[in-house]
Amino acid sequence: MFSCFKDENTQTSLPIIEQLKRQHFKCDIPVLDCPSIEEFRTKCFTTERPALLLNTVTHWPALQKWRDLNYIHKLAGNRTVPIEIGSNYATDEWSQQLVKIRDFLQRQFANTDNEIEYLAQHELFDQIPALKADIRIPDYCTLRTSDCENTRHVSIKAWLGPKNTISPLHYDPEHNLLCQVFGR
């Protein structure tokens, strides 16, 4: 799953995440291949039904750049972020801590025997605008439930963690688009 690369500008060697082949599973939600905004509106947004949207962010530079964790380390390694400790926030063992991104990346992606930590629901792109340049706000975010929401700001949050992190089934008060850059 990983291959290692050492950048001369970093003090640590972090993996380059291999691009995974898409796995096909039977699921109970619609799977739409790069739907138009109107198709998304009628099949998902107005019906408030979840869907798996394929091939909608293939133009993002992040799809290539972020697989090299040395790139993230170079841009953001000295920044402090909140991490969650434990694979599942619904358990008693779960806690939070502030750490430098470089330490988090090293512990979670270069070493495999550490306790699971992950960055969750963090406004990383406000903190590190250079990373935001690697993504684009999907056009689907232009849809609103009423005219009074037209000026509402799109909230962009980041999640980053190793395999085996779990987000239990839950309800969020806002509409969400989860755009996954790498992993499964």
C-alpha atoms as a PDB file:
ATOM      1  CA  MET A   1       0.000   0.000   0.000  1.00  0.00           C
ATOM      2  CA  PHE A   2       2.877   2.403   0.674  1.00  0.00           C
ATOM      3  CA  SER A   3       6.148   3.251  -0.995  1.00  0.00           C
ATOM      4  CA  CYS A   4       8.672   5.486   0.729  1.00  0.00           C
ATOM      5  CA  PHE A   5      10.223   8.676  -0.582  1.00  0.00           C
ATOM      6  CA  LYS A   6      12.621  11.002   1.184  1.00  0.00           C
ATOM      7  CA  ASP A   7      12.547  14.652   0.184  1.00  0.00           C
ATOM      8  CA  GLU A   8      15.830  16.459   0.829  1.00  0.00           C
ATOM      9  CA  ASN A   9      13.872  19.374   2.366  1.00  0.00           C
ATOM     10  CA  THR A  10      12.236  17.237   5.062  1.00  0.00           C
ATOM     11  CA  GLN A  11      13.763  15.595   8.098  1.00  0.00           C
ATOM     12  CA  THR A  12      11.549  12.556   7.938  1.00  0.00           C
ATOM     13  CA  SER A  13      10.579  10.024   5.331  1.00  0.00           C
ATOM     14  CA  LEU A  14       6.842   9.722   4.803  1.00  0.00           C
ATOM     15  CA  PRO A  15       5.026   7.329   2.490  1.00  0.00           C
ATOM     16  CA  ILE A  16       3.506   8.030  -0.871  1.00  0.00           C
ATOM     17  CA  ILE A  17       0.027   6.524  -0.752  1.00  0.00           C
ATOM     18  CA  GLU A  18      -0.589   4.219  -3.700  1.00  0.00           C
ATOM     19  CA  GLN A  19      -3.583   4.981  -5.853  1.00  0.00           C
ATOM     20  CA  LEU A  20      -6.164   2.320  -5.108  1.00  0.00           C
ATOM     21  CA  LYS A  21      -8.245   0.613  -7.750  1.00  0.00           C
ATOM     22  CA  ARG A  22     -11.924   1.430  -7.327  1.00  0.00           C
ATOM     23  CA  GLN A  23     -13.807  -1.425  -5.750  1.00  0.00           C
ATOM     24  CA  HIS A  24     -17.384  -2.019  -6.771  1.00  0.00           C
ATOM     25  CA  PHE A  25     -19.881  -2.984  -4.124  1.00  0.00           C
ATOM     26  CA  LYS A  26     -23.616  -3.372  -4.226  1.00  0.00           C
ATOM     27  CA  CYS A  27     -25.162  -0.638  -2.112  1.00  0.00           C
ATOM     28  CA  ASP A  28     -28.624   0.646  -1.319  1.00  0.00           C
ATOM     29  CA  ILE A  29     -27.985   4.212  -2.455  1.00  0.00           C
ATOM     30  CA  PRO A  30     -27.890   5.539  -6.018  1.00  0.00           C
ATOM     31  CA  VAL A  31     -24.494   5.642  -7.733  1.00  0.00           C
ATOM     32  CA  LEU A  32     -24.255   8.581 -10.152  1.00  0.00           C
ATOM     33  CA  ASP A  33     -21.350   9.110 -12.536  1.00  0.00           C
ATOM     34  CA  CYS A  34     -20.527  12.842 -12.538  1.00  0.00           C
ATOM     35  CA  PRO A  35     -24.165  13.966 -12.508  1.00  0.00           C
ATOM     36  CA  SER A  36     -25.153  17.360 -13.819  1.00  0.00           C
ATOM     37  CA  ILE A  37     -26.254  19.889 -11.234  1.00  0.00           C
ATOM     38  CA  GLU A  38     -29.867  19.378 -12.323  1.00  0.00           C
ATOM     39  CA  GLU A  39     -29.608  15.598 -12.022  1.00  0.00           C
ATOM     40  CA  PHE A  40     -28.024  15.989  -8.585  1.00  0.00           C
ATOM     41  CA  ARG A  41     -30.780  18.441  -7.596  1.00  0.00           C
ATOM     42  CA  THR A  42     -33.627  16.126  -8.602  1.00  0.00           C
ATOM     43  CA  LYS A  43     -32.152  12.793  -7.491  1.00  0.00           C
ATOM     44  CA  CYS A  44     -30.346  13.829  -4.315  1.00  0.00           C
ATOM     45  CA  PHE A  45     -30.709  17.381  -3.074  1.00  0.00           C
ATOM     46  CA  THR A  46     -34.473  17.996  -3.175  1.00  0.00           C
ATOM     47  CA  THR A  47     -35.250  14.414  -2.162  1.00  0.00           C
ATOM     48  CA  GLU A  48     -32.657  14.615   0.661  1.00  0.00           C
ATOM     49  CA  ARG A  49     -31.334  11.201  -0.306  1.00  0.00           C
ATOM     50  CA  PRO A  50     -27.677  10.193  -0.151  1.00  0.00           C
ATOM     51  CA  ALA A  51     -25.826   9.117  -3.272  1.00  0.00           C
ATOM     52  CA  LEU A  52     -22.358   8.021  -4.277  1.00  0.00           C
ATOM     53  CA  LEU A  53     -21.067  10.500  -6.860  1.00  0.00           C
ATOM     54  CA  LEU A  54     -18.276   9.106  -9.032  1.00  0.00           C
ATOM     55  CA  ASN A  55     -15.745  11.085 -11.103  1.00  0.00           C
ATOM     56  CA  THR A  56     -16.751  14.503  -9.780  1.00  0.00           C
ATOM     57  CA  VAL A  57     -13.398  15.691  -8.415  1.00  0.00           C
ATOM     58  CA  THR A  58     -11.009  14.056 -10.895  1.00  0.00           C
ATOM     59  CA  HIS A  59      -9.666  17.505 -11.851  1.00  0.00           C
ATOM     60  CA  TRP A  60      -8.409  18.283  -8.340  1.00  0.00           C
ATOM     61  CA  PRO A  61      -4.593  18.603  -8.045  1.00  0.00           C
ATOM     62  CA  ALA A  62      -4.963  17.142  -4.530  1.00  0.00           C
ATOM     63  CA  LEU A  63      -5.658  13.697  -6.006  1.00  0.00           C
ATOM     64  CA  GLN A  64      -2.006  13.430  -6.998  1.00  0.00           C
ATOM     65  CA  LYS A  65      -0.226  15.878  -4.698  1.00  0.00           C
ATOM     66  CA  TRP A  66      -1.646  14.752  -1.353  1.00  0.00           C
ATOM     67  CA  ARG A  67      -0.803  11.076  -1.828  1.00  0.00           C
ATOM     68  CA  ASP A  68       2.786  12.182  -1.228  1.00  0.00           C
ATOM     69  CA  LEU A  69       2.584  12.929   2.478  1.00  0.00           C
ATOM     70  CA  ASN A  70       5.941  14.719   2.213  1.00  0.00           C
ATOM     71  CA  TYR A  71       4.072  17.419   0.257  1.00  0.00           C
ATOM     72  CA  ILE A  72       1.654  17.974   3.140  1.00  0.00           C
ATOM     73  CA  HIS A  73       4.577  17.893   5.572  1.00  0.00           C
ATOM     74  CA  LYS A  74       6.428  20.543   3.559  1.00  0.00           C
ATOM     75  CA  LEU A  75       3.419  22.891   3.375  1.00  0.00           C
ATOM     76  CA  ALA A  76       2.033  22.393   6.857  1.00  0.00           C
ATOM     77  CA  GLY A  77       4.420  20.378   9.034  1.00  0.00           C
ATOM     78  CA  ASN A  78       4.993  23.112  11.612  1.00  0.00           C
ATOM     79  CA  ARG A  79       1.292  23.967  12.018  1.00  0.00           C
ATOM     80  CA  THR A  80      -0.567  22.861  15.135  1.00  0.00           C
ATOM     81  CA  VAL A  81      -3.892  21.069  14.652  1.00  0.00           C
ATOM     82  CA  PRO A  82      -6.396  19.243  16.871  1.00  0.00           C
ATOM     83  CA  ILE A  83      -6.315  15.491  16.514  1.00  0.00           C
ATOM     84  CA  GLU A  84      -8.648  12.865  17.855  1.00  0.00           C
ATOM     85  CA  ILE A  85      -7.101   9.869  19.559  1.00  0.00           C
ATOM     86  CA  GLY A  86      -8.776   6.471  19.247  1.00  0.00           C
ATOM     87  CA  SER A  87     -10.430   4.832  16.272  1.00  0.00           C
ATOM     88  CA  ASN A  88     -14.000   5.706  17.251  1.00  0.00           C
ATOM     89  CA  TYR A  89     -15.181   8.910  18.950  1.00  0.00           C
ATOM     90  CA  ALA A  90     -18.143   7.093  20.496  1.00  0.00           C
ATOM     91  CA  THR A  91     -15.934   5.059  22.863  1.00  0.00           C
ATOM     92  CA  ASP A  92     -14.688   5.934  26.354  1.00  0.00           C
ATOM     93  CA  GLU A  93     -11.041   5.631  25.232  1.00  0.00           C
ATOM     94  CA  TRP A  94     -11.377   8.535  22.766  1.00  0.00           C
ATOM     95  CA  SER A  95      -9.638  11.874  23.514  1.00  0.00           C
ATOM     96  CA  GLN A  96      -8.265  14.972  21.767  1.00  0.00           C
ATOM     97  CA  GLN A  97      -4.868  16.671  21.640  1.00  0.00           C
ATOM     98  CA  LEU A  98      -3.111  19.539  19.852  1.00  0.00           C
ATOM     99  CA  VAL A  99      -0.076  18.412  17.825  1.00  0.00           C
ATOM    100  CA  LYS A 100       2.124  19.586  14.978  1.00  0.00           C
ATOM    101  CA  ILE A 101       1.111  18.101  11.632  1.00  0.00           C
ATOM    102  CA  ARG A 102       4.641  16.715  11.153  1.00  0.00           C
ATOM    103  CA  ASP A 103       4.380  14.690  14.370  1.00  0.00           C
ATOM    104  CA  PHE A 104       0.907  13.439  13.491  1.00  0.00           C
ATOM    105  CA  LEU A 105       1.999  12.366   9.978  1.00  0.00           C
ATOM    106  CA  GLN A 106       5.089  10.613  11.315  1.00  0.00           C
ATOM    107  CA  ARG A 107       3.198   8.721  14.020  1.00  0.00           C
ATOM    108  CA  GLN A 108       0.273   7.676  11.838  1.00  0.00           C
ATOM    109  CA  PHE A 109       1.812   7.067   8.429  1.00  0.00           C
ATOM    110  CA  ALA A 110       5.521   6.276   8.956  1.00  0.00           C
ATOM    111  CA  ASN A 111       5.037   4.102  12.062  1.00  0.00           C
ATOM    112  CA  THR A 112       2.386   1.413  12.146  1.00  0.00           C
ATOM    113  CA  ASP A 113       2.298   0.477  15.827  1.00  0.00           C
ATOM    114  CA  ASN A 114       0.890   3.707  17.288  1.00  0.00           C
ATOM    115  CA  GLU A 115      -2.566   4.319  18.676  1.00  0.00           C
ATOM    116  CA  ILE A 116      -4.922   5.583  15.963  1.00  0.00           C
ATOM    117  CA  GLU A 117      -5.082   9.369  15.693  1.00  0.00           C
ATOM    118  CA  TYR A 118      -6.881  11.437  13.083  1.00  0.00           C
ATOM    119  CA  LEU A 119      -7.624  15.011  12.153  1.00  0.00           C
ATOM    120  CA  ALA A 120     -11.403  15.489  11.997  1.00  0.00           C
ATOM    121  CA  GLN A 121     -13.767  18.333  11.155  1.00  0.00           C
ATOM    122  CA  HIS A 122     -10.953  20.855  11.118  1.00  0.00           C
ATOM    123  CA  GLU A 123     -10.926  24.038   9.038  1.00  0.00           C
ATOM    124  CA  LEU A 124      -7.477  23.171   7.734  1.00  0.00           C
ATOM    125  CA  PHE A 125      -7.908  25.114   4.496  1.00  0.00           C
ATOM    126  CA  ASP A 126      -8.474  28.389   6.368  1.00  0.00           C
ATOM    127  CA  GLN A 127      -5.339  27.640   8.386  1.00  0.00           C
ATOM    128  CA  ILE A 128      -3.245  26.529   5.378  1.00  0.00           C
ATOM    129  CA  PRO A 129      -4.487  28.226   2.160  1.00  0.00           C
ATOM    130  CA  ALA A 130      -1.798  26.498   0.058  1.00  0.00           C
ATOM    131  CA  LEU A 131      -3.657  23.207   0.579  1.00  0.00           C
ATOM    132  CA  LYS A 132      -6.960  24.831  -0.415  1.00  0.00           C
ATOM    133  CA  ALA A 133      -5.411  25.691  -3.786  1.00  0.00           C
ATOM    134  CA  ASP A 134      -5.352  21.925  -4.510  1.00  0.00           C
ATOM    135  CA  ILE A 135      -9.131  21.505  -4.305  1.00  0.00           C
ATOM    136  CA  ARG A 136     -12.196  23.141  -5.880  1.00  0.00           C
ATOM    137  CA  ILE A 137     -15.595  23.700  -4.295  1.00  0.00           C
ATOM    138  CA  PRO A 138     -17.941  21.358  -6.186  1.00  0.00           C
ATOM    139  CA  ASP A 139     -20.643  23.082  -8.207  1.00  0.00           C
ATOM    140  CA  TYR A 140     -23.209  21.051  -6.269  1.00  0.00           C
ATOM    141  CA  CYS A 141     -22.534  23.410  -3.348  1.00  0.00           C
ATOM    142  CA  THR A 142     -24.310  26.194  -5.234  1.00  0.00           C
ATOM    143  CA  LEU A 143     -27.642  24.513  -4.483  1.00  0.00           C
ATOM    144  CA  ARG A 144     -29.570  25.930  -1.551  1.00  0.00           C
ATOM    145  CA  THR A 145     -32.809  24.948   0.147  1.00  0.00           C
ATOM    146  CA  SER A 146     -34.168  28.513   0.051  1.00  0.00           C
ATOM    147  CA  ASP A 147     -33.380  31.928  -1.420  1.00  0.00           C
ATOM    148  CA  CYS A 148     -32.278  33.224   1.981  1.00  0.00           C
ATOM    149  CA  GLU A 149     -29.340  30.802   1.904  1.00  0.00           C
ATOM    150  CA  ASN A 150     -27.837  32.141  -1.335  1.00  0.00           C
ATOM    151  CA  THR A 151     -25.172  34.152   0.474  1.00  0.00           C
ATOM    152  CA  ARG A 152     -24.278  31.406   2.927  1.00  0.00           C
ATOM    153  CA  HIS A 153     -20.596  30.516   3.030  1.00  0.00           C
ATOM    154  CA  VAL A 154     -19.580  26.969   2.124  1.00  0.00           C
ATOM    155  CA  SER A 155     -17.887  25.385   5.130  1.00  0.00           C
ATOM    156  CA  ILE A 156     -14.892  23.228   4.163  1.00  0.00           C
ATOM    157  CA  LYS A 157     -13.499  20.844   6.743  1.00  0.00           C
ATOM    158  CA  ALA A 158     -10.745  18.258   6.537  1.00  0.00           C
ATOM    159  CA  TRP A 159     -10.377  14.709   7.802  1.00  0.00           C
ATOM    160  CA  LEU A 160      -7.046  12.902   7.629  1.00  0.00           C
ATOM    161  CA  GLY A 161      -6.153   9.668   9.266  1.00  0.00           C
ATOM    162  CA  PRO A 162      -4.825   6.149   8.915  1.00  0.00           C
ATOM    163  CA  LYS A 163      -6.751   3.026   8.029  1.00  0.00           C
ATOM    164  CA  ASN A 164      -9.221   1.639  10.561  1.00  0.00           C
ATOM    165  CA  THR A 165     -10.705   4.944  11.709  1.00  0.00           C
ATOM    166  CA  ILE A 166     -14.467   4.793  12.155  1.00  0.00           C
ATOM    167  CA  SER A 167     -17.185   7.405  11.923  1.00  0.00           C
ATOM    168  CA  PRO A 168     -20.316   5.884  13.435  1.00  0.00           C
ATOM    169  CA  LEU A 169     -23.629   6.443  11.689  1.00  0.00           C
ATOM    170  CA  HIS A 170     -24.804   9.937  12.614  1.00  0.00           C
ATOM    171  CA  TYR A 171     -26.856  12.906  11.457  1.00  0.00           C
ATOM    172  CA  ASP A 172     -25.370  16.301  10.596  1.00  0.00           C
ATOM    173  CA  PRO A 173     -27.509  19.453  10.715  1.00  0.00           C
ATOM    174  CA  GLU A 174     -26.187  20.686   7.338  1.00  0.00           C
ATOM    175  CA  HIS A 175     -26.033  19.154   3.875  1.00  0.00           C
ATOM    176  CA  ASN A 176     -22.648  17.522   3.252  1.00  0.00           C
ATOM    177  CA  LEU A 177     -20.530  16.458   0.305  1.00  0.00           C
ATOM    178  CA  LEU A 178     -17.745  14.125   1.342  1.00  0.00           C
ATOM    179  CA  CYS A 179     -14.969  14.354  -1.245  1.00  0.00           C
ATOM    180  CA  GLN A 180     -12.416  11.607  -0.684  1.00  0.00           C
ATOM    181  CA  VAL A 181      -8.936  12.282  -2.028  1.00  0.00           C
ATOM    182  CA  PHE A 182      -7.294   8.940  -1.187  1.00  0.00           C
ATOM    183  CA  GLY A 183      -7.947   5.793   0.789  1.00  0.00           C
ATOM    184  CA  ARG A 184     -11.139   3.834   1.198  1.00  0.00           C
END
